């Protein structure tokens, strides 16, 4: 993507890596945690933060030991409140045009991660913040979560994938109502309408998301990536074409080392040791 070039990467204890000032990646065995770490601004996505998210996603996409990624927040009050409107208010039109590819790269960086992704949401997840969650495969939210795409209330539209990702979750009519009214939904309604997938006790979103990711990561990394590819590429196309997408993904794993190990482990009644190839 290129926009993450120049972001300082600092190694920390236990394999932790900090990308710029506002993003930290931690490892939990085969699960990678991408933590949004701008708590004083409730993770409002500034240009610098967008660059860091993109750079972290570039690195994770190339990391064959990362089987699942969990996106979390270090802010007690929010997952992410979206674009940094204070910064945006200072932009000229030309500066806004130049910043656009940087912002897009943060959202597409999460969306295009090749492994399964889980968002751990609490507090406010609004605008671009909710779009970061929508870019993940599964959203785990605690009961403090407040989500929504309020962009039309400030004269813009969702620009991090919201107009495309939300209809894929809740249908075109429901997405239109939510985007056109700019309304915010509390956790219970968000779960009822399918904007989030799991609703957990207050303060447990990160714990539960990491536990879910660990269960996913116990499976074949080759299989996980191929299954995600089939799910993503097959969504919204006709059944016959979708089955061809699935067949192509199946062929990519059918002769893999993971497939051989999985079959052997099943027959030998032991846990597989995935070669990841």
C-alpha atoms as a PDB file:
ATOM      1  CA  UNK A   1       0.000   0.000   0.000  1.00  0.00           C
ATOM      2  CA  UNK A   2       2.942   2.308   0.560  1.00  0.00           C
ATOM      3  CA  UNK A   3       1.337   4.799   2.956  1.00  0.00           C
ATOM      4  CA  UNK A   4       2.746   2.988   5.987  1.00  0.00           C
ATOM      5  CA  UNK A   5       6.298   3.540   4.790  1.00  0.00           C
ATOM      6  CA  UNK A   6       8.260   5.670   7.246  1.00  0.00           C
ATOM      7  CA  UNK A   7       6.305   4.635  10.354  1.00  0.00           C
ATOM      8  CA  UNK A   8       8.713   3.980  13.216  1.00  0.00           C
ATOM      9  CA  UNK A   9       8.543   0.403  14.509  1.00  0.00           C
ATOM     10  CA  UNK A  10       9.816  -0.108  18.059  1.00  0.00           C
ATOM     11  CA  UNK A  11      10.340  -3.558  19.552  1.00  0.00           C
ATOM     12  CA  UNK A  12       9.102  -4.065  23.099  1.00  0.00           C
ATOM     13  CA  UNK A  13       9.048  -6.873  25.662  1.00  0.00           C
ATOM     14  CA  UNK A  14       7.522 -10.221  24.776  1.00  0.00           C
ATOM     15  CA  UNK A  15       7.587  -9.596  21.058  1.00  0.00           C
ATOM     16  CA  UNK A  16       5.427  -6.475  21.348  1.00  0.00           C
ATOM     17  CA  UNK A  17       5.808  -3.977  18.516  1.00  0.00           C
ATOM     18  CA  UNK A  18       4.738  -0.351  18.483  1.00  0.00           C
ATOM     19  CA  UNK A  19       3.909   1.177  15.122  1.00  0.00           C
ATOM     20  CA  UNK A  20       4.317   4.899  15.497  1.00  0.00           C
ATOM     21  CA  UNK A  21       2.752   6.471  18.569  1.00  0.00           C
ATOM     22  CA  UNK A  22      -0.758   5.051  18.455  1.00  0.00           C
ATOM     23  CA  UNK A  23      -0.758   1.350  17.487  1.00  0.00           C
ATOM     24  CA  UNK A  24       0.643  -1.632  19.415  1.00  0.00           C
ATOM     25  CA  UNK A  25       0.761  -5.241  18.209  1.00  0.00           C
ATOM     26  CA  UNK A  26       1.026  -7.937  20.876  1.00  0.00           C
ATOM     27  CA  UNK A  27       1.348 -11.683  20.419  1.00  0.00           C
ATOM     28  CA  UNK A  28      -0.674 -14.318  22.237  1.00  0.00           C
ATOM     29  CA  UNK A  29       0.772 -17.512  20.774  1.00  0.00           C
ATOM     30  CA  UNK A  30      -0.747 -17.674  17.270  1.00  0.00           C
ATOM     31  CA  UNK A  31      -3.127 -14.760  17.919  1.00  0.00           C
ATOM     32  CA  UNK A  32      -1.968 -11.223  17.131  1.00  0.00           C
ATOM     33  CA  UNK A  33      -3.618  -8.333  18.972  1.00  0.00           C
ATOM     34  CA  UNK A  34      -3.683  -4.998  17.143  1.00  0.00           C
ATOM     35  CA  UNK A  35      -4.399  -2.442  19.862  1.00  0.00           C
ATOM     36  CA  UNK A  36      -5.552   1.071  19.014  1.00  0.00           C
ATOM     37  CA  UNK A  37      -3.621   3.145  21.539  1.00  0.00           C
ATOM     38  CA  UNK A  38      -4.666   6.791  21.481  1.00  0.00           C
ATOM     39  CA  UNK A  39      -6.808   6.789  24.613  1.00  0.00           C
ATOM     40  CA  UNK A  40      -6.768  10.542  25.318  1.00  0.00           C
ATOM     41  CA  UNK A  41      -8.524  11.102  21.976  1.00  0.00           C
ATOM     42  CA  UNK A  42     -10.707   7.960  22.284  1.00  0.00           C
ATOM     43  CA  UNK A  43      -8.732   6.564  19.339  1.00  0.00           C
ATOM     44  CA  UNK A  44      -9.848   9.262  16.905  1.00  0.00           C
ATOM     45  CA  UNK A  45      -8.067   8.315  13.685  1.00  0.00           C
ATOM     46  CA  UNK A  46      -5.563  11.021  12.822  1.00  0.00           C
ATOM     47  CA  UNK A  47      -3.328  10.892   9.772  1.00  0.00           C
ATOM     48  CA  UNK A  48      -0.459   9.534  11.864  1.00  0.00           C
ATOM     49  CA  UNK A  49      -2.673   6.891  13.436  1.00  0.00           C
ATOM     50  CA  UNK A  50      -4.021   5.834  10.026  1.00  0.00           C
ATOM     51  CA  UNK A  51      -0.464   5.385   8.767  1.00  0.00           C
ATOM     52  CA  UNK A  52       0.337   3.238  11.787  1.00  0.00           C
ATOM     53  CA  UNK A  53      -2.732   1.026  11.346  1.00  0.00           C
ATOM     54  CA  UNK A  54      -1.819   0.496   7.688  1.00  0.00           C
ATOM     55  CA  UNK A  55       1.802  -0.315   8.543  1.00  0.00           C
ATOM     56  CA  UNK A  56       0.787  -2.786  11.260  1.00  0.00           C
ATOM     57  CA  UNK A  57      -1.637  -4.504   8.881  1.00  0.00           C
ATOM     58  CA  UNK A  58       1.030  -4.754   6.180  1.00  0.00           C
ATOM     59  CA  UNK A  59       3.322  -6.510   8.656  1.00  0.00           C
ATOM     60  CA  UNK A  60       0.590  -8.818   9.964  1.00  0.00           C
ATOM     61  CA  UNK A  61      -0.503  -9.808   6.465  1.00  0.00           C
ATOM     62  CA  UNK A  62       3.018 -11.087   5.801  1.00  0.00           C
ATOM     63  CA  UNK A  63       3.338 -12.857   9.170  1.00  0.00           C
ATOM     64  CA  UNK A  64       2.739 -16.576   8.631  1.00  0.00           C
ATOM     65  CA  UNK A  65       2.717 -17.204  12.400  1.00  0.00           C
ATOM     66  CA  UNK A  66      -0.294 -14.926  12.909  1.00  0.00           C
ATOM     67  CA  UNK A  67      -3.325 -17.164  12.415  1.00  0.00           C
ATOM     68  CA  UNK A  68      -5.968 -14.758  13.766  1.00  0.00           C
ATOM     69  CA  UNK A  69      -5.917 -10.997  14.456  1.00  0.00           C
ATOM     70  CA  UNK A  70      -7.944  -9.288  17.200  1.00  0.00           C
ATOM     71  CA  UNK A  71      -8.448  -5.508  16.998  1.00  0.00           C
ATOM     72  CA  UNK A  72      -8.758  -3.976  20.479  1.00  0.00           C
ATOM     73  CA  UNK A  73      -8.673  -0.582  22.185  1.00  0.00           C
ATOM     74  CA  UNK A  74      -6.698   0.750  25.147  1.00  0.00           C
ATOM     75  CA  UNK A  75      -9.260   3.507  25.760  1.00  0.00           C
ATOM     76  CA  UNK A  76     -11.690   2.851  28.600  1.00  0.00           C
ATOM     77  CA  UNK A  77     -14.383   4.946  26.936  1.00  0.00           C
ATOM     78  CA  UNK A  78     -14.259   3.896  23.317  1.00  0.00           C
ATOM     79  CA  UNK A  79     -13.209   1.385  20.741  1.00  0.00           C
ATOM     80  CA  UNK A  80     -12.751   4.239  18.258  1.00  0.00           C
ATOM     81  CA  UNK A  81     -14.750   7.414  17.650  1.00  0.00           C
ATOM     82  CA  UNK A  82     -13.824   7.629  13.973  1.00  0.00           C
ATOM     83  CA  UNK A  83     -11.941  10.315  12.072  1.00  0.00           C
ATOM     84  CA  UNK A  84     -10.075  12.997  13.997  1.00  0.00           C
ATOM     85  CA  UNK A  85     -12.428  15.880  13.211  1.00  0.00           C
ATOM     86  CA  UNK A  86     -10.234  18.401  15.019  1.00  0.00           C
ATOM     87  CA  UNK A  87      -7.437  17.559  12.606  1.00  0.00           C
ATOM     88  CA  UNK A  88      -9.824  17.507   9.644  1.00  0.00           C
ATOM     89  CA  UNK A  89     -11.090  20.986  10.579  1.00  0.00           C
ATOM     90  CA  UNK A  90      -7.609  22.355   9.974  1.00  0.00           C
ATOM     91  CA  UNK A  91      -7.274  20.854   6.484  1.00  0.00           C
ATOM     92  CA  UNK A  92      -7.485  22.774   3.262  1.00  0.00           C
ATOM     93  CA  UNK A  93      -9.308  21.047   0.422  1.00  0.00           C
ATOM     94  CA  UNK A  94      -5.966  20.053  -1.081  1.00  0.00           C
ATOM     95  CA  UNK A  95      -4.780  18.589   2.221  1.00  0.00           C
ATOM     96  CA  UNK A  96      -7.977  16.584   2.560  1.00  0.00           C
ATOM     97  CA  UNK A  97      -7.453  15.136  -0.918  1.00  0.00           C
ATOM     98  CA  UNK A  98      -3.880  14.143  -0.035  1.00  0.00           C
ATOM     99  CA  UNK A  99      -4.988  12.584   3.243  1.00  0.00           C
ATOM    100  CA  UNK A 100      -7.705  10.448   1.677  1.00  0.00           C
ATOM    101  CA  UNK A 101      -5.458   7.560   0.491  1.00  0.00           C
ATOM    102  CA  UNK A 102      -3.857   7.437   3.933  1.00  0.00           C
ATOM    103  CA  UNK A 103      -7.224   7.104   5.652  1.00  0.00           C
ATOM    104  CA  UNK A 104      -8.442   4.504   3.167  1.00  0.00           C
ATOM    105  CA  UNK A 105      -5.323   2.411   3.669  1.00  0.00           C
ATOM    106  CA  UNK A 106      -6.087   2.019   7.389  1.00  0.00           C
ATOM    107  CA  UNK A 107      -9.537   0.584   6.717  1.00  0.00           C
ATOM    108  CA  UNK A 108      -8.556  -1.573   3.757  1.00  0.00           C
ATOM    109  CA  UNK A 109      -5.540  -2.772   5.725  1.00  0.00           C
ATOM    110  CA  UNK A 110      -7.853  -4.370   8.286  1.00  0.00           C
ATOM    111  CA  UNK A 111     -10.395  -5.469   5.669  1.00  0.00           C
ATOM    112  CA  UNK A 112      -7.791  -7.208   3.510  1.00  0.00           C
ATOM    113  CA  UNK A 113      -5.959  -9.103   6.245  1.00  0.00           C
ATOM    114  CA  UNK A 114      -5.795 -12.683   4.908  1.00  0.00           C
ATOM    115  CA  UNK A 115      -6.455 -14.380   8.230  1.00  0.00           C
ATOM    116  CA  UNK A 116      -9.666 -14.271  10.318  1.00  0.00           C
ATOM    117  CA  UNK A 117     -10.159 -11.053  12.272  1.00  0.00           C
ATOM    118  CA  UNK A 118     -12.167 -10.276  15.409  1.00  0.00           C
ATOM    119  CA  UNK A 119     -13.056  -6.818  16.742  1.00  0.00           C
ATOM    120  CA  UNK A 120     -13.375  -6.308  20.505  1.00  0.00           C
ATOM    121  CA  UNK A 121     -15.722  -3.356  20.971  1.00  0.00           C
ATOM    122  CA  UNK A 122     -16.684  -1.376  24.047  1.00  0.00           C
ATOM    123  CA  UNK A 123     -17.888   2.180  24.500  1.00  0.00           C
ATOM    124  CA  UNK A 124     -18.182   4.305  21.400  1.00  0.00           C
ATOM    125  CA  UNK A 125     -17.572   2.744  17.976  1.00  0.00           C
ATOM    126  CA  UNK A 126     -18.771   5.476  15.668  1.00  0.00           C
ATOM    127  CA  UNK A 127     -18.160   6.421  12.056  1.00  0.00           C
ATOM    128  CA  UNK A 128     -14.737   5.244  11.020  1.00  0.00           C
ATOM    129  CA  UNK A 129     -14.407   3.481  14.338  1.00  0.00           C
ATOM    130  CA  UNK A 130     -17.380   1.282  13.580  1.00  0.00           C
ATOM    131  CA  UNK A 131     -16.057   0.812  10.041  1.00  0.00           C
ATOM    132  CA  UNK A 132     -12.845  -0.641  11.488  1.00  0.00           C
ATOM    133  CA  UNK A 133     -15.020  -3.136  13.373  1.00  0.00           C
ATOM    134  CA  UNK A 134     -17.140  -3.836  10.283  1.00  0.00           C
ATOM    135  CA  UNK A 135     -13.913  -4.609   8.411  1.00  0.00           C
ATOM    136  CA  UNK A 136     -13.402  -7.567  10.742  1.00  0.00           C
ATOM    137  CA  UNK A 137     -15.015 -10.969  10.269  1.00  0.00           C
ATOM    138  CA  UNK A 138     -16.594 -11.145  13.741  1.00  0.00           C
ATOM    139  CA  UNK A 139     -17.506  -8.366  16.181  1.00  0.00           C
ATOM    140  CA  UNK A 140     -17.584  -9.065  19.932  1.00  0.00           C
ATOM    141  CA  UNK A 141     -19.100  -6.187  21.922  1.00  0.00           C
ATOM    142  CA  UNK A 142     -19.665  -5.603  25.600  1.00  0.00           C
ATOM    143  CA  UNK A 143     -22.814  -4.039  27.013  1.00  0.00           C
ATOM    144  CA  UNK A 144     -21.360  -0.506  27.047  1.00  0.00           C
ATOM    145  CA  UNK A 145     -20.982  -0.473  23.258  1.00  0.00           C
ATOM    146  CA  UNK A 146     -22.622   2.303  21.249  1.00  0.00           C
ATOM    147  CA  UNK A 147     -22.259   1.916  17.491  1.00  0.00           C
ATOM    148  CA  UNK A 148     -23.319   3.818  14.413  1.00  0.00           C
ATOM    149  CA  UNK A 149     -22.422   5.582  11.184  1.00  0.00           C
ATOM    150  CA  UNK A 150     -23.327   9.249  11.825  1.00  0.00           C
ATOM    151  CA  UNK A 151     -21.366  10.780   8.938  1.00  0.00           C
ATOM    152  CA  UNK A 152     -24.311  12.425   7.154  1.00  0.00           C
ATOM    153  CA  UNK A 153     -24.915  14.483  10.307  1.00  0.00           C
ATOM    154  CA  UNK A 154     -21.603  16.299   9.678  1.00  0.00           C
ATOM    155  CA  UNK A 155     -22.008  16.629   5.931  1.00  0.00           C
ATOM    156  CA  UNK A 156     -20.107  13.604   4.634  1.00  0.00           C
ATOM    157  CA  UNK A 157     -20.801   9.903   4.117  1.00  0.00           C
ATOM    158  CA  UNK A 158     -19.166   6.784   5.536  1.00  0.00           C
ATOM    159  CA  UNK A 159     -15.791   6.605   3.812  1.00  0.00           C
ATOM    160  CA  UNK A 160     -14.143   3.585   5.393  1.00  0.00           C
ATOM    161  CA  UNK A 161     -16.360   0.987   3.758  1.00  0.00           C
ATOM    162  CA  UNK A 162     -19.537   1.559   5.753  1.00  0.00           C
ATOM    163  CA  UNK A 163     -21.931   1.953   2.824  1.00  0.00           C
ATOM    164  CA  UNK A 164     -20.727  -1.400   1.480  1.00  0.00           C
ATOM    165  CA  UNK A 165     -20.030  -3.409   4.638  1.00  0.00           C
ATOM    166  CA  UNK A 166     -23.140  -2.551   6.647  1.00  0.00           C
ATOM    167  CA  UNK A 167     -25.626  -3.730   3.962  1.00  0.00           C
ATOM    168  CA  UNK A 168     -23.729  -7.006   3.775  1.00  0.00           C
ATOM    169  CA  UNK A 169     -24.438  -7.483   7.465  1.00  0.00           C
ATOM    170  CA  UNK A 170     -27.978  -6.217   7.890  1.00  0.00           C
ATOM    171  CA  UNK A 171     -29.469  -5.827   4.396  1.00  0.00           C
ATOM    172  CA  UNK A 172     -29.881  -2.804   2.161  1.00  0.00           C
ATOM    173  CA  UNK A 173     -33.028  -1.330   3.706  1.00  0.00           C
ATOM    174  CA  UNK A 174     -31.824  -1.566   7.300  1.00  0.00           C
ATOM    175  CA  UNK A 175     -28.439  -0.124   6.369  1.00  0.00           C
ATOM    176  CA  UNK A 176     -30.123   2.752   4.536  1.00  0.00           C
ATOM    177  CA  UNK A 177     -32.245   3.592   7.589  1.00  0.00           C
ATOM    178  CA  UNK A 178     -29.233   3.558   9.895  1.00  0.00           C
ATOM    179  CA  UNK A 179     -26.994   5.601   7.602  1.00  0.00           C
ATOM    180  CA  UNK A 180     -29.661   8.136   6.567  1.00  0.00           C
ATOM    181  CA  UNK A 181     -30.799   8.787  10.167  1.00  0.00           C
ATOM    182  CA  UNK A 182     -27.210   8.815  11.518  1.00  0.00           C
ATOM    183  CA  UNK A 183     -28.555   7.257  14.689  1.00  0.00           C
ATOM    184  CA  UNK A 184     -26.507   5.525  17.344  1.00  0.00           C
ATOM    185  CA  UNK A 185     -27.426   2.079  18.622  1.00  0.00           C
ATOM    186  CA  UNK A 186     -26.759   0.756  22.085  1.00  0.00           C
ATOM    187  CA  UNK A 187     -25.371  -2.735  22.474  1.00  0.00           C
ATOM    188  CA  UNK A 188     -28.605  -4.713  22.894  1.00  0.00           C
ATOM    189  CA  UNK A 189     -30.239  -3.271  19.770  1.00  0.00           C
ATOM    190  CA  UNK A 190     -26.997  -3.590  17.820  1.00  0.00           C
ATOM    191  CA  UNK A 191     -26.897  -7.295  18.667  1.00  0.00           C
ATOM    192  CA  UNK A 192     -30.580  -7.761  17.848  1.00  0.00           C
ATOM    193  CA  UNK A 193     -30.135  -6.186  14.399  1.00  0.00           C
ATOM    194  CA  UNK A 194     -26.893  -8.031  13.645  1.00  0.00           C
ATOM    195  CA  UNK A 195     -24.503  -5.081  13.782  1.00  0.00           C
ATOM    196  CA  UNK A 196     -22.455  -7.053  16.311  1.00  0.00           C
ATOM    197  CA  UNK A 197     -22.167 -10.820  16.594  1.00  0.00           C
ATOM    198  CA  UNK A 198     -21.595 -11.553  20.280  1.00  0.00           C
ATOM    199  CA  UNK A 199     -22.693  -9.521  23.289  1.00  0.00           C
ATOM    200  CA  UNK A 200     -20.701 -10.049  26.481  1.00  0.00           C
ATOM    201  CA  UNK A 201     -20.571  -8.623  29.981  1.00  0.00           C
ATOM    202  CA  UNK A 202     -19.169  -5.149  30.542  1.00  0.00           C
ATOM    203  CA  UNK A 203     -15.388  -5.107  30.383  1.00  0.00           C
ATOM    204  CA  UNK A 204     -15.153  -8.585  28.862  1.00  0.00           C
ATOM    205  CA  UNK A 205     -14.975  -7.748  25.151  1.00  0.00           C
ATOM    206  CA  UNK A 206     -11.192  -8.087  24.858  1.00  0.00           C
ATOM    207  CA  UNK A 207     -11.033 -11.242  26.988  1.00  0.00           C
ATOM    208  CA  UNK A 208     -13.828 -12.941  25.077  1.00  0.00           C
ATOM    209  CA  UNK A 209     -12.507 -11.846  21.681  1.00  0.00           C
ATOM    210  CA  UNK A 210      -9.041 -13.210  22.467  1.00  0.00           C
ATOM    211  CA  UNK A 211     -10.568 -16.477  23.684  1.00  0.00           C
ATOM    212  CA  UNK A 212     -12.622 -16.784  20.502  1.00  0.00           C
ATOM    213  CA  UNK A 213      -9.532 -16.044  18.424  1.00  0.00           C
ATOM    214  CA  UNK A 214      -7.563 -18.708  20.282  1.00  0.00           C
ATOM    215  CA  UNK A 215     -10.230 -21.281  19.419  1.00  0.00           C
ATOM    216  CA  UNK A 216      -9.985 -20.265  15.773  1.00  0.00           C
ATOM    217  CA  UNK A 217      -6.175 -20.311  15.856  1.00  0.00           C
ATOM    218  CA  UNK A 218      -6.146 -23.946  16.983  1.00  0.00           C
ATOM    219  CA  UNK A 219      -7.192 -24.849  13.443  1.00  0.00           C
ATOM    220  CA  UNK A 220      -5.164 -25.079  10.250  1.00  0.00           C
ATOM    221  CA  UNK A 221      -3.702 -21.691   9.262  1.00  0.00           C
ATOM    222  CA  UNK A 222      -3.868 -22.728   5.611  1.00  0.00           C
ATOM    223  CA  UNK A 223      -7.479 -23.761   6.051  1.00  0.00           C
ATOM    224  CA  UNK A 224      -8.402 -20.569   7.901  1.00  0.00           C
ATOM    225  CA  UNK A 225      -7.029 -18.315   5.167  1.00  0.00           C
ATOM    226  CA  UNK A 226      -8.609 -20.343   2.390  1.00  0.00           C
ATOM    227  CA  UNK A 227     -11.975 -20.400   4.143  1.00  0.00           C
ATOM    228  CA  UNK A 228     -11.840 -16.633   4.620  1.00  0.00           C
ATOM    229  CA  UNK A 229     -10.964 -16.156   0.966  1.00  0.00           C
ATOM    230  CA  UNK A 230     -13.922 -18.307  -0.108  1.00  0.00           C
ATOM    231  CA  UNK A 231     -16.311 -16.488   2.229  1.00  0.00           C
ATOM    232  CA  UNK A 232     -15.196 -13.043   1.094  1.00  0.00           C
ATOM    233  CA  UNK A 233     -14.974 -13.704  -2.645  1.00  0.00           C
ATOM    234  CA  UNK A 234     -18.166 -15.738  -2.768  1.00  0.00           C
ATOM    235  CA  UNK A 235     -20.376 -13.265  -0.919  1.00  0.00           C
ATOM    236  CA  UNK A 236     -23.013 -11.621  -3.094  1.00  0.00           C
ATOM    237  CA  UNK A 237     -22.359 -13.566  -6.291  1.00  0.00           C
ATOM    238  CA  UNK A 238     -24.672 -16.185  -7.763  1.00  0.00           C
ATOM    239  CA  UNK A 239     -24.537 -19.705  -6.339  1.00  0.00           C
ATOM    240  CA  UNK A 240     -22.865 -21.336  -9.334  1.00  0.00           C
ATOM    241  CA  UNK A 241     -20.064 -18.761  -9.346  1.00  0.00           C
ATOM    242  CA  UNK A 242     -19.787 -19.020  -5.572  1.00  0.00           C
ATOM    243  CA  UNK A 243     -19.292 -22.760  -5.768  1.00  0.00           C
ATOM    244  CA  UNK A 244     -16.452 -22.180  -8.239  1.00  0.00           C
ATOM    245  CA  UNK A 245     -14.854 -19.795  -5.742  1.00  0.00           C
ATOM    246  CA  UNK A 246     -15.174 -22.461  -3.064  1.00  0.00           C
ATOM    247  CA  UNK A 247     -13.696 -25.126  -5.334  1.00  0.00           C
ATOM    248  CA  UNK A 248     -10.683 -22.953  -6.091  1.00  0.00           C
ATOM    249  CA  UNK A 249     -10.138 -22.385  -2.370  1.00  0.00           C
ATOM    250  CA  UNK A 250     -10.529 -26.116  -1.693  1.00  0.00           C
ATOM    251  CA  UNK A 251      -7.925 -26.950  -4.323  1.00  0.00           C
ATOM    252  CA  UNK A 252      -5.508 -24.517  -2.692  1.00  0.00           C
ATOM    253  CA  UNK A 253      -5.583 -26.556   0.530  1.00  0.00           C
ATOM    254  CA  UNK A 254      -6.332 -30.104  -0.678  1.00  0.00           C
ATOM    255  CA  UNK A 255      -2.679 -30.923  -1.338  1.00  0.00           C
ATOM    256  CA  UNK A 256      -1.162 -28.832   1.438  1.00  0.00           C
ATOM    257  CA  UNK A 257       0.978 -29.976   4.324  1.00  0.00           C
ATOM    258  CA  UNK A 258      -1.775 -28.858   6.691  1.00  0.00           C
ATOM    259  CA  UNK A 259      -4.288 -31.173   5.015  1.00  0.00           C
ATOM    260  CA  UNK A 260      -1.887 -34.126   5.290  1.00  0.00           C
ATOM    261  CA  UNK A 261      -1.170 -33.349   8.935  1.00  0.00           C
ATOM    262  CA  UNK A 262      -4.849 -32.873   9.768  1.00  0.00           C
ATOM    263  CA  UNK A 263      -5.823 -36.246   8.339  1.00  0.00           C
ATOM    264  CA  UNK A 264      -2.861 -37.983  10.014  1.00  0.00           C
ATOM    265  CA  UNK A 265      -3.598 -36.394  13.399  1.00  0.00           C
ATOM    266  CA  UNK A 266      -7.257 -37.401  13.182  1.00  0.00           C
ATOM    267  CA  UNK A 267      -6.379 -41.017  12.449  1.00  0.00           C
ATOM    268  CA  UNK A 268      -3.682 -41.098  15.134  1.00  0.00           C
ATOM    269  CA  UNK A 269      -6.030 -39.465  17.687  1.00  0.00           C
ATOM    270  CA  UNK A 270      -3.678 -36.603  18.522  1.00  0.00           C
ATOM    271  CA  UNK A 271      -3.623 -32.835  18.198  1.00  0.00           C
ATOM    272  CA  UNK A 272      -2.290 -31.666  14.830  1.00  0.00           C
ATOM    273  CA  UNK A 273       1.001 -29.814  14.571  1.00  0.00           C
ATOM    274  CA  UNK A 274       0.246 -27.578  11.631  1.00  0.00           C
ATOM    275  CA  UNK A 275       3.149 -26.885   9.267  1.00  0.00           C
ATOM    276  CA  UNK A 276       1.245 -23.867   7.945  1.00  0.00           C
ATOM    277  CA  UNK A 277       1.875 -24.670   4.315  1.00  0.00           C
END
